[in-house]
């Protein structure tokens, strides 16, 4: 699973057949059915439409995508959330994060040993305790389309936006967050258990928010941009990156 996770971050457009072939190049002799099963457990899918974690619950409402062509010019305009897989020595956890789109500031995060929606709602509540965005964007997964999650957003007066099915790069900036988390912290950290994962991730997110400078933010930290009192103007590169990501999956 750890090797699949690493390879997926490099080529998220690979489904289970291509992933099986690629694993074979590294000496892993596994069949496509096993790889497909492991990817389902991990919540991984090709950026092309596939019926894994972004599959909406049949009874949950799916909301339209509101960010296409939208100029995001300041913090708290758009927030987003996503879930990723965290490997342990034995087993795995799921990590959800809520991030401000403009500044890349991580407002809240939670770990869970299951894909139930409750840990996503907990992260949302922690984020909303710090402010309220105009729009909140997620994928169509059952966790985010659950009534508990969407009702909390509606109660706060937040417009709900959901990616097109299978279009992971509609939420391009949080996908880049996952790359940073995995390669800068999770893989080098090699977590023994959930307690270690929680402690190390807490330390990493503090570093990410307050010390890790982004070239696209004019070499400022997410914290500095999010809490800036001066009027913020979106960098053309941010909008261009997002549009490029969306076009790549069209």
Protein backbone atom coordinates (compact mmCIF):
# COMPACT_ATOMS: atom_id res chain seq x y z
CA UNK A 1 0.00 0.00 0.00
CA UNK A 2 2.82 2.39 0.80
CA UNK A 3 4.33 1.88 -2.65
CA UNK A 4 0.96 2.42 -4.33
CA UNK A 5 0.54 5.65 -2.37
CA UNK A 6 3.95 6.92 -3.49
CA UNK A 7 3.34 6.06 -7.13
CA UNK A 8 -0.16 7.55 -7.11
CA UNK A 9 1.19 10.93 -6.03
CA UNK A 10 3.46 10.88 -9.08
CA UNK A 11 0.79 9.74 -11.57
CA UNK A 12 -2.71 10.30 -10.17
CA UNK A 13 -4.20 9.61 -13.60
CA UNK A 14 -3.31 5.89 -13.30
CA UNK A 15 -6.11 3.46 -12.55
CA UNK A 16 -5.59 -0.05 -11.19
CA UNK A 17 -4.51 -1.69 -14.50
CA UNK A 18 -1.72 0.80 -15.16
CA UNK A 19 -0.78 0.86 -11.48
CA UNK A 20 -0.45 -2.94 -11.57
CA UNK A 21 1.91 -2.75 -14.55
CA UNK A 22 3.95 0.00 -12.90
CA UNK A 23 4.27 -1.97 -9.67
CA UNK A 24 5.56 -4.88 -11.74
CA UNK A 25 8.39 -2.67 -12.99
CA UNK A 26 9.46 -2.27 -9.35
CA UNK A 27 9.34 -6.02 -8.71
CA UNK A 28 5.90 -6.19 -7.05
CA UNK A 29 4.11 -9.24 -8.48
CA UNK A 30 0.44 -8.50 -7.78
CA UNK A 31 -2.68 -8.92 -9.90
CA UNK A 32 -5.00 -6.12 -10.96
CA UNK A 33 -7.85 -7.27 -8.69
CA UNK A 34 -5.67 -6.97 -5.61
CA UNK A 35 -4.38 -3.54 -6.65
CA UNK A 36 -7.96 -2.37 -7.29
CA UNK A 37 -9.02 -3.63 -3.85
CA UNK A 38 -6.10 -1.87 -2.13
CA UNK A 39 -6.80 1.38 -3.97
CA UNK A 40 -10.43 1.20 -2.84
CA UNK A 41 -9.33 0.71 0.78
CA UNK A 42 -6.92 3.63 0.47
CA UNK A 43 -9.53 5.87 -1.13
CA UNK A 44 -7.43 6.37 -4.26
CA UNK A 45 -8.87 6.85 -7.72
CA UNK A 46 -7.66 7.90 -11.11
CA UNK A 47 -8.42 11.55 -11.90
CA UNK A 48 -10.67 10.09 -14.58
CA UNK A 49 -14.15 9.16 -13.32
CA UNK A 50 -14.01 6.05 -11.10
CA UNK A 51 -16.43 4.74 -8.45
CA UNK A 52 -14.25 5.07 -5.35
CA UNK A 53 -14.30 7.68 -2.54
CA UNK A 54 -15.68 10.47 -4.72
CA UNK A 55 -18.79 8.41 -5.39
CA UNK A 56 -21.72 10.27 -3.85
CA UNK A 57 -24.15 8.50 -1.60
CA UNK A 58 -27.27 7.82 -3.69
CA UNK A 59 -29.45 9.68 -1.17
CA UNK A 60 -27.15 12.70 -0.82
CA UNK A 61 -27.52 15.83 -2.92
CA UNK A 62 -24.66 16.74 -5.26
CA UNK A 63 -24.01 20.48 -5.61
CA UNK A 64 -22.68 22.28 -8.73
CA UNK A 65 -19.06 23.34 -9.13
CA UNK A 66 -18.85 27.10 -8.49
CA UNK A 67 -15.18 27.89 -9.06
CA UNK A 68 -14.87 27.68 -12.84
CA UNK A 69 -13.59 31.05 -14.07
CA UNK A 70 -13.89 32.55 -10.58
CA UNK A 71 -11.23 35.10 -9.56
CA UNK A 72 -10.29 34.29 -5.97
CA UNK A 73 -8.83 37.53 -4.62
CA UNK A 74 -8.59 37.21 -0.84
CA UNK A 75 -8.55 34.84 2.12
CA UNK A 76 -11.93 33.47 3.27
CA UNK A 77 -13.34 33.71 -0.25
CA UNK A 78 -13.04 29.96 -0.92
CA UNK A 79 -12.20 27.12 1.44
CA UNK A 80 -11.74 23.51 0.37
CA UNK A 81 -11.43 20.09 1.99
CA UNK A 82 -10.19 16.66 0.99
CA UNK A 83 -9.25 13.27 2.45
CA UNK A 84 -6.02 11.31 1.98
CA UNK A 85 -4.52 8.00 3.14
CA UNK A 86 -1.83 7.89 5.85
CA UNK A 87 0.20 4.63 6.09
CA UNK A 88 1.32 3.23 9.46
CA UNK A 89 3.64 0.32 10.26
CA UNK A 90 0.51 -1.76 10.68
CA UNK A 91 -2.70 -0.48 9.14
CA UNK A 92 -3.54 3.03 8.05
CA UNK A 93 -5.49 6.16 8.93
CA UNK A 94 -7.39 8.75 6.92
CA UNK A 95 -6.52 12.45 7.11
CA UNK A 96 -8.93 15.27 6.29
CA UNK A 97 -7.83 18.89 5.99
CA UNK A 98 -9.69 22.17 5.51
CA UNK A 99 -7.65 24.75 3.61
CA UNK A 100 -8.12 28.36 2.51
CA UNK A 101 -7.74 28.33 -1.28
CA UNK A 102 -6.12 31.77 -1.68
CA UNK A 103 -3.48 31.55 1.06
CA UNK A 104 -3.06 27.74 1.28
CA UNK A 105 -3.52 28.12 5.05
CA UNK A 106 -4.62 24.85 6.73
CA UNK A 107 -7.44 25.83 9.06
CA UNK A 108 -8.17 22.42 10.58
CA UNK A 109 -7.38 18.73 10.20
CA UNK A 110 -8.46 15.42 11.74
CA UNK A 111 -7.40 11.77 11.63
CA UNK A 112 -9.71 8.75 11.57
CA UNK A 113 -9.42 4.98 11.22
CA UNK A 114 -12.59 4.86 9.10
CA UNK A 115 -14.19 6.80 6.27
CA UNK A 116 -17.27 7.77 8.26
CA UNK A 117 -18.26 11.42 7.86
CA UNK A 118 -17.93 12.38 11.53
CA UNK A 119 -14.22 13.24 11.44
CA UNK A 120 -14.83 15.50 8.43
CA UNK A 121 -17.61 17.30 10.31
CA UNK A 122 -15.30 17.73 13.31
CA UNK A 123 -12.66 19.35 11.09
CA UNK A 124 -15.30 21.58 9.50
CA UNK A 125 -16.56 22.73 12.91
CA UNK A 126 -13.03 23.57 14.03
CA UNK A 127 -12.45 25.57 10.85
CA UNK A 128 -15.76 27.46 11.08
CA UNK A 129 -14.90 28.41 14.66
CA UNK A 130 -12.11 30.51 13.11
CA UNK A 131 -14.17 32.24 10.43
CA UNK A 132 -16.62 31.77 7.59
CA UNK A 133 -15.83 31.54 3.85
CA UNK A 134 -18.13 32.56 1.02
CA UNK A 135 -17.74 29.21 -0.80
CA UNK A 136 -16.69 25.76 0.38
CA UNK A 137 -15.43 23.31 -2.28
CA UNK A 138 -15.04 19.52 -1.98
CA UNK A 139 -15.37 16.42 -4.12
CA UNK A 140 -18.65 14.51 -4.32
CA UNK A 141 -17.64 11.89 -1.76
CA UNK A 142 -20.24 10.60 0.69
CA UNK A 143 -18.42 12.25 3.60
CA UNK A 144 -18.78 15.74 2.10
CA UNK A 145 -22.22 15.26 0.58
CA UNK A 146 -23.64 13.92 3.85
CA UNK A 147 -26.45 15.97 5.37
CA UNK A 148 -24.41 16.49 8.53
CA UNK A 149 -21.64 18.18 6.55
CA UNK A 150 -23.75 20.18 4.10
CA UNK A 151 -26.31 21.26 6.72
CA UNK A 152 -23.47 22.71 8.81
CA UNK A 153 -22.31 24.76 5.82
CA UNK A 154 -25.81 25.96 5.00
CA UNK A 155 -26.41 26.94 8.63
CA UNK A 156 -23.28 29.11 8.42
CA UNK A 157 -24.50 30.74 5.20
CA UNK A 158 -21.75 29.20 3.05
CA UNK A 159 -22.29 28.39 -0.65
CA UNK A 160 -21.50 24.72 -1.38
CA UNK A 161 -19.40 23.75 -4.41
CA UNK A 162 -18.46 20.22 -5.52
CA UNK A 163 -15.96 19.07 -8.13
CA UNK A 164 -17.07 17.29 -11.26
CA UNK A 165 -17.06 13.54 -10.66
CA UNK A 166 -13.53 12.16 -10.77
CA UNK A 167 -11.99 15.59 -11.41
CA UNK A 168 -9.41 15.59 -8.62
CA UNK A 169 -7.59 18.62 -10.04
CA UNK A 170 -10.66 20.83 -9.64
CA UNK A 171 -9.31 21.02 -6.08
CA UNK A 172 -5.74 21.41 -7.31
CA UNK A 173 -4.23 23.30 -4.37
CA UNK A 174 -5.22 20.76 -1.73
CA UNK A 175 -3.88 18.01 -4.00
CA UNK A 176 -0.55 19.84 -3.86
CA UNK A 177 -0.87 20.04 -0.08
CA UNK A 178 -1.10 16.23 0.02
CA UNK A 179 2.06 15.91 -2.06
CA UNK A 180 3.91 18.15 0.41
CA UNK A 181 2.53 16.35 3.47
CA UNK A 182 3.43 12.91 2.11
CA UNK A 183 6.93 13.63 0.81
CA UNK A 184 8.05 16.12 3.45
CA UNK A 185 6.58 14.42 6.52
CA UNK A 186 4.68 11.12 6.21
CA UNK A 187 7.18 9.04 4.25
CA UNK A 188 10.29 10.27 6.12
CA UNK A 189 8.37 10.00 9.42
CA UNK A 190 7.46 6.32 8.91
CA UNK A 191 4.78 6.39 11.63
CA UNK A 192 4.64 3.45 14.03
CA UNK A 193 1.08 4.12 15.18
CA UNK A 194 -1.75 6.64 15.24
CA UNK A 195 -0.44 8.51 18.28
CA UNK A 196 2.88 9.17 16.54
CA UNK A 197 1.05 10.19 13.36
CA UNK A 198 -1.08 12.72 15.24
CA UNK A 199 1.90 14.28 17.01
CA UNK A 200 4.07 14.49 13.90
CA UNK A 201 1.31 15.81 11.64
CA UNK A 202 0.45 18.49 14.20
CA UNK A 203 4.04 19.62 14.16
CA UNK A 204 4.17 19.53 10.35
CA UNK A 205 1.03 21.60 9.85
CA UNK A 206 2.37 24.24 12.23
CA UNK A 207 5.53 24.33 10.12
CA UNK A 208 3.54 24.39 6.87
CA UNK A 209 1.38 27.30 8.01
CA UNK A 210 3.97 29.46 9.73
CA UNK A 211 7.40 28.63 8.26
CA UNK A 212 7.10 27.02 4.84
CA UNK A 213 7.24 29.79 2.24
CA UNK A 214 5.51 29.41 -1.15
CA UNK A 215 6.94 30.85 -4.33
CA UNK A 216 3.40 31.40 -5.66
CA UNK A 217 2.69 33.50 -2.52
CA UNK A 218 5.69 35.76 -3.25
CA UNK A 219 7.78 33.67 -0.83
CA UNK A 220 5.40 34.31 2.05
CA UNK A 221 3.95 31.72 4.39
CA UNK A 222 0.27 30.71 4.31
CA UNK A 223 -0.15 32.24 7.77
CA UNK A 224 1.29 35.58 6.66
CA UNK A 225 -1.05 35.73 3.67
CA UNK A 226 -4.17 34.52 5.48
CA UNK A 227 -3.85 37.02 8.34
CA UNK A 228 -2.57 39.93 6.23
CA UNK A 229 -4.54 43.07 7.04
CA UNK A 230 -3.76 44.66 3.69
CA UNK A 231 -6.12 44.14 0.71
CA UNK A 232 -4.99 41.03 -1.12
CA UNK A 233 -4.90 40.67 -4.89
CA UNK A 234 -4.74 37.21 -6.42
CA UNK A 235 -1.51 36.37 -8.17
CA UNK A 236 -2.13 35.57 -11.85
CA UNK A 237 -0.07 32.42 -11.36
CA UNK A 238 -2.59 31.08 -8.83
CA UNK A 239 -5.51 31.45 -11.19
CA UNK A 240 -3.47 30.16 -14.12
CA UNK A 241 -2.37 27.08 -12.15
CA UNK A 242 -5.92 26.26 -11.15
CA UNK A 243 -7.27 26.69 -14.68
CA UNK A 244 -4.43 24.55 -16.08
CA UNK A 245 -5.24 21.81 -13.60
CA UNK A 246 -8.92 21.85 -14.53
CA UNK A 247 -8.17 21.82 -18.26
CA UNK A 248 -5.89 18.81 -17.80
CA UNK A 249 -8.84 16.74 -16.62
CA UNK A 250 -11.37 18.06 -19.13
